[in-house]
Amino acid sequence: MNRSLHVIASTFIAAVALAASLLASATEQSMQRRQARDVRQDTRQDARVDKAECRAANQTSNAACRQDKRQAKQEGRAKARDIKY
């Protein structure tokens, strides 16, 4: 009886430790996802502003401004992937 109680207690402690480590891992992943999402959102907004400024200044054609925006968004996605993975 005493031995079975010891086994049950040991199993419970191991399960609690495992749950705590999984929870910490999930929390870390959620923080990384949030940071990556914030980077992507900031990049999109910056790209919109840059394109509007490009078109307002009439420095280049709309196609060139569009290409600049596209490139900026791709760079932001790459930064987000670096954070996330």
C-alpha atoms as a PDB file:
ATOM      1  CA  MET A   1       0.000   0.000   0.000  1.00  0.00           C
ATOM      2  CA  ASN A   2       2.766   2.413   0.941  1.00  0.00           C
ATOM      3  CA  ARG A   3       4.698   1.545  -2.223  1.00  0.00           C
ATOM      4  CA  SER A   4       1.683   2.130  -4.492  1.00  0.00           C
ATOM      5  CA  LEU A   5       1.113   5.502  -2.840  1.00  0.00           C
ATOM      6  CA  HIS A   6       4.739   6.402  -3.557  1.00  0.00           C
ATOM      7  CA  VAL A   7       4.356   5.372  -7.229  1.00  0.00           C
ATOM      8  CA  ILE A   8       1.179   7.425  -7.592  1.00  0.00           C
ATOM      9  CA  ALA A   9       2.806  10.475  -5.995  1.00  0.00           C
ATOM     10  CA  SER A  10       5.883  10.148  -8.231  1.00  0.00           C
ATOM     11  CA  THR A  11       3.719   9.843 -11.329  1.00  0.00           C
ATOM     12  CA  PHE A  12       1.705  12.896 -10.323  1.00  0.00           C
ATOM     13  CA  ILE A  13       4.836  14.977  -9.750  1.00  0.00           C
ATOM     14  CA  ALA A  14       6.235  13.924 -13.129  1.00  0.00           C
ATOM     15  CA  ALA A  15       2.963  14.827 -14.844  1.00  0.00           C
ATOM     16  CA  VAL A  16       2.902  18.262 -13.205  1.00  0.00           C
ATOM     17  CA  ALA A  17       6.517  18.907 -14.234  1.00  0.00           C
ATOM     18  CA  LEU A  18       5.752  17.868 -17.818  1.00  0.00           C
ATOM     19  CA  ALA A  19       2.668  20.080 -17.951  1.00  0.00           C
ATOM     20  CA  ALA A  20       4.653  23.046 -16.662  1.00  0.00           C
ATOM     21  CA  SER A  21       7.356  22.599 -19.285  1.00  0.00           C
ATOM     22  CA  LEU A  22       4.767  22.299 -22.073  1.00  0.00           C
ATOM     23  CA  LEU A  23       3.022  25.425 -20.848  1.00  0.00           C
ATOM     24  CA  ALA A  24       6.290  27.367 -20.829  1.00  0.00           C
ATOM     25  CA  SER A  25       7.026  26.211 -24.371  1.00  0.00           C
ATOM     26  CA  ALA A  26       3.556  27.237 -25.564  1.00  0.00           C
ATOM     27  CA  THR A  27       3.942  30.636 -23.933  1.00  0.00           C
ATOM     28  CA  GLU A  28       7.288  31.186 -25.660  1.00  0.00           C
ATOM     29  CA  GLN A  29       5.774  30.226 -29.026  1.00  0.00           C
ATOM     30  CA  SER A  30       2.844  32.565 -28.555  1.00  0.00           C
ATOM     31  CA  MET A  31       5.200  35.441 -27.753  1.00  0.00           C
ATOM     32  CA  GLN A  32       7.227  34.701 -30.889  1.00  0.00           C
ATOM     33  CA  ARG A  33       4.075  34.579 -33.013  1.00  0.00           C
ATOM     34  CA  ARG A  34       2.907  37.882 -31.551  1.00  0.00           C
ATOM     35  CA  GLN A  35       6.271  39.546 -32.222  1.00  0.00           C
ATOM     36  CA  ALA A  36       6.309  38.204 -35.776  1.00  0.00           C
ATOM     37  CA  ARG A  37       2.752  39.431 -36.375  1.00  0.00           C
ATOM     38  CA  ASP A  38       3.656  42.871 -35.045  1.00  0.00           C
ATOM     39  CA  VAL A  39       6.650  43.035 -37.395  1.00  0.00           C
ATOM     40  CA  ARG A  40       4.465  42.091 -40.374  1.00  0.00           C
ATOM     41  CA  GLN A  41       1.791  44.645 -39.465  1.00  0.00           C
ATOM     42  CA  ASP A  42       4.348  47.404 -38.983  1.00  0.00           C
ATOM     43  CA  THR A  43       5.994  46.502 -42.264  1.00  0.00           C
ATOM     44  CA  ARG A  44       2.686  46.634 -44.135  1.00  0.00           C
ATOM     45  CA  GLN A  45       1.872  50.053 -42.711  1.00  0.00           C
ATOM     46  CA  ASP A  46       5.354  51.374 -43.496  1.00  0.00           C
ATOM     47  CA  ALA A  47       5.092  50.014 -47.042  1.00  0.00           C
ATOM     48  CA  ARG A  48       1.748  51.797 -47.527  1.00  0.00           C
ATOM     49  CA  VAL A  49       3.231  55.074 -46.348  1.00  0.00           C
ATOM     50  CA  ASP A  50       6.319  54.639 -48.534  1.00  0.00           C
ATOM     51  CA  LYS A  51       4.187  53.945 -51.604  1.00  0.00           C
ATOM     52  CA  ALA A  52       1.986  56.965 -50.946  1.00  0.00           C
ATOM     53  CA  GLU A  53       5.063  59.168 -50.543  1.00  0.00           C
ATOM     54  CA  CYS A  54       6.579  57.711 -53.699  1.00  0.00           C
ATOM     55  CA  ARG A  55       3.456  58.444 -55.718  1.00  0.00           C
ATOM     56  CA  ALA A  56       3.034  61.914 -54.201  1.00  0.00           C
ATOM     57  CA  ALA A  57       6.613  62.858 -54.985  1.00  0.00           C
ATOM     58  CA  ASN A  58       6.124  61.452 -58.494  1.00  0.00           C
ATOM     59  CA  GLN A  59       9.701  60.250 -58.429  1.00  0.00           C
ATOM     60  CA  THR A  60       8.965  57.100 -60.374  1.00  0.00           C
ATOM     61  CA  SER A  61       6.123  55.372 -62.122  1.00  0.00           C
ATOM     62  CA  ASN A  62       3.333  53.719 -60.156  1.00  0.00           C
ATOM     63  CA  ALA A  63       4.719  50.337 -61.174  1.00  0.00           C
ATOM     64  CA  ALA A  64       8.079  51.175 -59.616  1.00  0.00           C
ATOM     65  CA  CYS A  65       6.364  52.363 -56.429  1.00  0.00           C
ATOM     66  CA  ARG A  66       4.340  49.158 -56.354  1.00  0.00           C
ATOM     67  CA  GLN A  67       7.509  47.109 -56.764  1.00  0.00           C
ATOM     68  CA  ASP A  68       9.153  48.985 -53.879  1.00  0.00           C
ATOM     69  CA  LYS A  69       6.134  48.254 -51.684  1.00  0.00           C
ATOM     70  CA  ARG A  70       6.233  44.593 -52.640  1.00  0.00           C
ATOM     71  CA  GLN A  71       9.929  44.365 -51.817  1.00  0.00           C
ATOM     72  CA  ALA A  72       9.425  46.045 -48.433  1.00  0.00           C
ATOM     73  CA  LYS A  73       6.658  43.598 -47.537  1.00  0.00           C
ATOM     74  CA  GLN A  74       8.821  40.618 -48.538  1.00  0.00           C
ATOM     75  CA  GLU A  75      11.623  41.885 -46.299  1.00  0.00           C
ATOM     76  CA  GLY A  76       9.157  42.231 -43.429  1.00  0.00           C
ATOM     77  CA  ARG A  77       7.936  38.679 -43.922  1.00  0.00           C
ATOM     78  CA  ALA A  78      11.536  37.453 -43.829  1.00  0.00           C
ATOM     79  CA  LYS A  79      12.132  39.304 -40.543  1.00  0.00           C
ATOM     80  CA  ALA A  80       8.955  37.779 -39.108  1.00  0.00           C
ATOM     81  CA  ARG A  81      10.081  34.283 -40.128  1.00  0.00           C
ATOM     82  CA  ASP A  82      13.438  34.866 -38.449  1.00  0.00           C
ATOM     83  CA  ILE A  83      11.660  35.783 -35.225  1.00  0.00           C
ATOM     84  CA  LYS A  84       9.188  32.938 -35.390  1.00  0.00           C
ATOM     85  CA  TYR A  85      11.491  30.053 -36.341  1.00  0.00           C
END
